[in-house]
Amino acid sequence: MFKHLDEKNMSYFSHYIRALQFAVWSFKMYFVCIIHAVFPNIFCDTFSYEILRLAKQLEEEDAKH
């Protein structure tokens, strides 16, 4: 039933918390992009940096499993 949780070796609760953390991060990045769209000199590299940081974090976690 919870094949995804088994594949990630996570409990339901830890998965729930992690998904909420991604939601909060996505919400923050939404505002970063909106502000950057209106004021191009603000948050010039923030979204790109955060995407690369997240990708590295996920790759490191996948390597552990």
N, C-alpha and C. Protein backbone atom coordinates (compact mmCIF):
# COMPACT_ATOMS: atom_id res chain seq x y z
N MET A 1 0.82 -1.20 0.00
CA MET A 1 0.00 0.00 0.00
C MET A 1 0.86 1.26 0.00
N PHE A 2 1.93 1.27 0.76
CA PHE A 2 2.79 2.44 0.83
C PHE A 2 4.14 2.14 0.18
N LYS A 3 4.10 1.73 -1.07
CA LYS A 3 5.32 1.36 -1.78
C LYS A 3 6.32 2.52 -1.80
N HIS A 4 5.83 3.72 -2.02
CA HIS A 4 6.70 4.90 -2.06
C HIS A 4 7.45 5.07 -0.74
N LEU A 5 6.75 4.90 0.37
CA LEU A 5 7.38 5.04 1.68
C LEU A 5 8.43 3.95 1.90
N ASP A 6 8.12 2.74 1.46
CA ASP A 6 9.08 1.65 1.57
C ASP A 6 10.33 1.92 0.73
N GLU A 7 10.12 2.42 -0.48
CA GLU A 7 11.25 2.72 -1.37
C GLU A 7 12.15 3.80 -0.78
N LYS A 8 11.57 4.75 -0.09
CA LYS A 8 12.33 5.85 0.51
C LYS A 8 12.75 5.56 1.94
N ASN A 9 12.34 4.39 2.44
CA ASN A 9 12.66 3.99 3.81
C ASN A 9 12.24 5.06 4.81
N MET A 10 10.98 5.49 4.69
CA MET A 10 10.45 6.54 5.55
C MET A 10 9.16 6.09 6.20
N SER A 11 8.92 6.58 7.39
CA SER A 11 7.63 6.35 8.03
C SER A 11 6.62 7.34 7.44
N TYR A 12 5.37 7.06 7.70
CA TYR A 12 4.33 7.97 7.22
C TYR A 12 4.54 9.37 7.79
N PHE A 13 4.83 9.46 9.09
CA PHE A 13 4.98 10.76 9.75
C PHE A 13 6.19 11.52 9.21
N SER A 14 7.33 10.83 9.05
CA SER A 14 8.51 11.53 8.52
C SER A 14 8.28 11.99 7.09
N HIS A 15 7.55 11.20 6.31
CA HIS A 15 7.22 11.61 4.95
C HIS A 15 6.29 12.83 4.97
N TYR A 16 5.35 12.81 5.87
CA TYR A 16 4.40 13.93 6.01
C TYR A 16 5.16 15.23 6.33
N ILE A 17 6.07 15.17 7.30
CA ILE A 17 6.84 16.35 7.68
C ILE A 17 7.69 16.82 6.51
N ARG A 18 8.33 15.90 5.83
CA ARG A 18 9.19 16.27 4.69
C ARG A 18 8.37 16.91 3.57
N ALA A 19 7.22 16.37 3.28
CA ALA A 19 6.36 16.94 2.24
C ALA A 19 5.93 18.35 2.61
N LEU A 20 5.63 18.56 3.89
CA LEU A 20 5.27 19.91 4.34
C LEU A 20 6.45 20.86 4.21
N GLN A 21 7.65 20.38 4.49
CA GLN A 21 8.84 21.22 4.33
C GLN A 21 9.02 21.63 2.87
N PHE A 22 8.78 20.71 1.95
CA PHE A 22 8.86 21.05 0.53
C PHE A 22 7.78 22.06 0.15
N ALA A 23 6.61 21.92 0.72
CA ALA A 23 5.52 22.86 0.43
C ALA A 23 5.89 24.27 0.91
N VAL A 24 6.45 24.37 2.11
CA VAL A 24 6.86 25.68 2.64
C VAL A 24 7.97 26.27 1.77
N TRP A 25 8.94 25.43 1.40
CA TRP A 25 10.03 25.89 0.54
C TRP A 25 9.47 26.39 -0.80
N SER A 26 8.54 25.65 -1.37
CA SER A 26 7.94 26.04 -2.65
C SER A 26 7.19 27.36 -2.52
N PHE A 27 6.51 27.54 -1.42
CA PHE A 27 5.77 28.78 -1.18
C PHE A 27 6.75 29.96 -1.09
N LYS A 28 7.85 29.77 -0.38
CA LYS A 28 8.87 30.82 -0.28
C LYS A 28 9.45 31.14 -1.66
N MET A 29 9.74 30.11 -2.44
CA MET A 29 10.32 30.33 -3.77
C MET A 29 9.32 31.00 -4.71
N TYR A 30 8.05 30.75 -4.52
CA TYR A 30 7.01 31.44 -5.29
C TYR A 30 7.15 32.95 -5.10
N PHE A 31 7.28 33.37 -3.84
CA PHE A 31 7.40 34.80 -3.57
C PHE A 31 8.73 35.37 -4.07
N VAL A 32 9.79 34.59 -3.95
CA VAL A 32 11.07 35.03 -4.50
C VAL A 32 10.93 35.31 -6.00
N CYS A 33 10.27 34.42 -6.71
CA CYS A 33 10.12 34.58 -8.16
C CYS A 33 9.20 35.75 -8.51
N ILE A 34 8.13 35.93 -7.75
CA ILE A 34 7.23 37.06 -8.00
C ILE A 34 7.96 38.38 -7.78
N ILE A 35 8.69 38.47 -6.67
CA ILE A 35 9.43 39.70 -6.39
C ILE A 35 10.49 39.94 -7.47
N HIS A 36 11.18 38.89 -7.86
CA HIS A 36 12.18 39.04 -8.91
C HIS A 36 11.56 39.46 -10.25
N ALA A 37 10.38 38.96 -10.54
CA ALA A 37 9.71 39.33 -11.79
C ALA A 37 9.42 40.83 -11.83
N VAL A 38 9.02 41.39 -10.70
CA VAL A 38 8.67 42.81 -10.64
C VAL A 38 9.93 43.67 -10.48
N PHE A 39 10.87 43.19 -9.69
CA PHE A 39 12.12 43.92 -9.42
C PHE A 39 13.30 43.03 -9.81
N PRO A 40 13.72 43.06 -11.06
CA PRO A 40 14.74 42.14 -11.56
C PRO A 40 16.08 42.19 -10.84
N ASN A 41 16.36 43.28 -10.14
CA ASN A 41 17.64 43.38 -9.44
C ASN A 41 17.61 42.73 -8.06
N ILE A 42 16.46 42.25 -7.63
CA ILE A 42 16.33 41.59 -6.33
C ILE A 42 16.21 40.08 -6.55
N PHE A 43 16.87 39.31 -5.72
CA PHE A 43 16.85 37.84 -5.79
C PHE A 43 17.32 37.32 -7.16
N CYS A 44 18.36 37.94 -7.68
CA CYS A 44 18.83 37.59 -9.03
C CYS A 44 19.19 36.11 -9.18
N ASP A 45 19.86 35.55 -8.21
CA ASP A 45 20.31 34.16 -8.31
C ASP A 45 19.69 33.25 -7.27
N THR A 46 18.79 33.77 -6.49
CA THR A 46 18.25 33.02 -5.36
C THR A 46 17.57 31.73 -5.79
N PHE A 47 16.68 31.80 -6.76
CA PHE A 47 15.94 30.61 -7.16
C PHE A 47 16.88 29.56 -7.75
N SER A 48 17.78 29.99 -8.62
CA SER A 48 18.73 29.05 -9.22
C SER A 48 19.59 28.38 -8.16
N TYR A 49 20.08 29.17 -7.22
CA TYR A 49 20.90 28.64 -6.14
C TYR A 49 20.10 27.62 -5.32
N GLU A 50 18.88 27.95 -4.98
CA GLU A 50 18.06 27.07 -4.15
C GLU A 50 17.71 25.77 -4.87
N ILE A 51 17.46 25.85 -6.17
CA ILE A 51 17.17 24.63 -6.94
C ILE A 51 18.39 23.71 -6.95
N LEU A 52 19.57 24.28 -7.18
CA LEU A 52 20.79 23.48 -7.19
C LEU A 52 21.07 22.89 -5.81
N ARG A 53 20.83 23.65 -4.76
CA ARG A 53 21.03 23.17 -3.40
C ARG A 53 20.08 22.01 -3.10
N LEU A 54 18.83 22.17 -3.52
CA LEU A 54 17.84 21.11 -3.30
C LEU A 54 18.20 19.85 -4.08
N ALA A 55 18.62 20.02 -5.32
CA ALA A 55 19.00 18.86 -6.14
C ALA A 55 20.17 18.11 -5.51
N LYS A 56 21.16 18.85 -5.00
CA LYS A 56 22.30 18.22 -4.35
C LYS A 56 21.86 17.47 -3.09
N GLN A 57 21.00 18.08 -2.33
CA GLN A 57 20.48 17.46 -1.10
C GLN A 57 19.76 16.15 -1.43
N LEU A 58 18.91 16.18 -2.44
CA LEU A 58 18.16 14.98 -2.81
C LEU A 58 19.07 13.89 -3.34
N GLU A 59 20.08 14.26 -4.12
CA GLU A 59 21.03 13.28 -4.63
C GLU A 59 21.80 12.61 -3.49
N GLU A 60 22.20 13.42 -2.51
CA GLU A 60 22.93 12.87 -1.36
C GLU A 60 22.05 11.92 -0.56
N GLU A 61 20.79 12.26 -0.40
CA GLU A 61 19.87 11.39 0.33
C GLU A 61 19.63 10.10 -0.42
N ASP A 62 19.48 10.19 -1.74
CA ASP A 62 19.26 8.98 -2.54
C ASP A 62 20.49 8.06 -2.48
N ALA A 63 21.68 8.65 -2.41
CA ALA A 63 22.90 7.85 -2.35
C ALA A 63 22.98 7.08 -1.03
N LYS A 64 22.36 7.60 0.02
CA LYS A 64 22.37 6.92 1.32
C LYS A 64 21.46 5.69 1.32
N HIS A 65 20.46 5.67 0.44
CA HIS A 65 19.48 4.57 0.46
C HIS A 65 19.85 3.52 -0.54
